[in-house]
Amino acid sequence: MIKFILPTIIIFLIVLFWEKISETIYKKFNIRVNYIILSIALIAVIILFLLIKD
């Protein structure tokens, strides 16, 4: 049961504090987190598509 509840709580907290997390990372590294996540998601979709295709 914990293996379902713990990730749910972690994802909920990330969604809840996303703006603060994004702002903190932008101040430290001067990089927008949204662009990084969008790039990673796009690469993951492309890799999954290529794996399914073969």
C-alpha atoms as a PDB file:
ATOM      1  CA  MET A   1       0.000   0.000   0.000  1.00  0.00           C
ATOM      2  CA  ILE A   2       2.885   2.354   0.772  1.00  0.00           C
ATOM      3  CA  LYS A   3       4.258   1.916  -2.737  1.00  0.00           C
ATOM      4  CA  PHE A   4       1.091   3.602  -4.067  1.00  0.00           C
ATOM      5  CA  ILE A   5       0.608   6.260  -1.400  1.00  0.00           C
ATOM      6  CA  LEU A   6       4.177   7.594  -1.184  1.00  0.00           C
ATOM      7  CA  PRO A   7       4.617   8.424  -4.907  1.00  0.00           C
ATOM      8  CA  THR A   8       1.159   9.991  -4.921  1.00  0.00           C
ATOM      9  CA  ILE A   9       2.065  12.256  -2.024  1.00  0.00           C
ATOM     10  CA  ILE A  10       5.397  13.189  -3.637  1.00  0.00           C
ATOM     11  CA  ILE A  11       3.748  14.043  -6.961  1.00  0.00           C
ATOM     12  CA  PHE A  12       1.062  16.043  -5.159  1.00  0.00           C
ATOM     13  CA  LEU A  13       3.683  18.079  -3.294  1.00  0.00           C
ATOM     14  CA  ILE A  14       5.644  18.721  -6.500  1.00  0.00           C
ATOM     15  CA  VAL A  15       2.501  19.952  -8.226  1.00  0.00           C
ATOM     16  CA  LEU A  16       1.532  22.041  -5.216  1.00  0.00           C
ATOM     17  CA  PHE A  17       4.928  23.767  -4.893  1.00  0.00           C
ATOM     18  CA  TRP A  18       5.893  23.758  -8.581  1.00  0.00           C
ATOM     19  CA  GLU A  19       6.088  27.550  -8.895  1.00  0.00           C
ATOM     20  CA  LYS A  20       8.399  27.864  -5.892  1.00  0.00           C
ATOM     21  CA  ILE A  21      10.615  24.991  -7.097  1.00  0.00           C
ATOM     22  CA  SER A  22      10.840  26.463 -10.574  1.00  0.00           C
ATOM     23  CA  GLU A  23      11.658  29.923  -9.257  1.00  0.00           C
ATOM     24  CA  THR A  24      14.388  28.602  -6.947  1.00  0.00           C
ATOM     25  CA  ILE A  25      16.079  26.624  -9.721  1.00  0.00           C
ATOM     26  CA  TYR A  26      15.856  29.616 -12.069  1.00  0.00           C
ATOM     27  CA  LYS A  27      17.564  31.853  -9.496  1.00  0.00           C
ATOM     28  CA  LYS A  28      20.360  29.339  -8.838  1.00  0.00           C
ATOM     29  CA  PHE A  29      21.110  28.091 -12.355  1.00  0.00           C
ATOM     30  CA  ASN A  30      19.403  30.682 -14.601  1.00  0.00           C
ATOM     31  CA  ILE A  31      17.616  27.878 -16.475  1.00  0.00           C
ATOM     32  CA  ARG A  32      13.879  27.479 -16.881  1.00  0.00           C
ATOM     33  CA  VAL A  33      12.776  24.116 -15.517  1.00  0.00           C
ATOM     34  CA  ASN A  34       9.805  23.971 -17.882  1.00  0.00           C
ATOM     35  CA  TYR A  35      12.135  23.814 -20.898  1.00  0.00           C
ATOM     36  CA  ILE A  36      14.184  21.012 -19.339  1.00  0.00           C
ATOM     37  CA  ILE A  37      11.110  18.928 -18.509  1.00  0.00           C
ATOM     38  CA  LEU A  38       9.611  19.550 -21.936  1.00  0.00           C
ATOM     39  CA  SER A  39      12.863  18.432 -23.584  1.00  0.00           C
ATOM     40  CA  ILE A  40      13.086  15.287 -21.451  1.00  0.00           C
ATOM     41  CA  ALA A  41       9.455  14.409 -22.133  1.00  0.00           C
ATOM     42  CA  LEU A  42       9.904  14.914 -25.872  1.00  0.00           C
ATOM     43  CA  ILE A  43      13.028  12.746 -25.933  1.00  0.00           C
ATOM     44  CA  ALA A  44      11.245  10.031 -23.927  1.00  0.00           C
ATOM     45  CA  VAL A  45       8.311  10.016 -26.356  1.00  0.00           C
ATOM     46  CA  ILE A  46      10.671   9.786 -29.337  1.00  0.00           C
ATOM     47  CA  ILE A  47      12.588   6.899 -27.745  1.00  0.00           C
ATOM     48  CA  LEU A  48       9.357   5.049 -26.918  1.00  0.00           C
ATOM     49  CA  PHE A  49       8.114   5.558 -30.464  1.00  0.00           C
ATOM     50  CA  LEU A  50      11.355   4.196 -31.903  1.00  0.00           C
ATOM     51  CA  LEU A  51      11.268   1.181 -29.581  1.00  0.00           C
ATOM     52  CA  ILE A  52       7.658   0.386 -30.460  1.00  0.00           C
ATOM     53  CA  LYS A  53       8.284   0.838 -34.158  1.00  0.00           C
ATOM     54  CA  ASP A  54      10.990  -1.862 -34.317  1.00  0.00           C
END
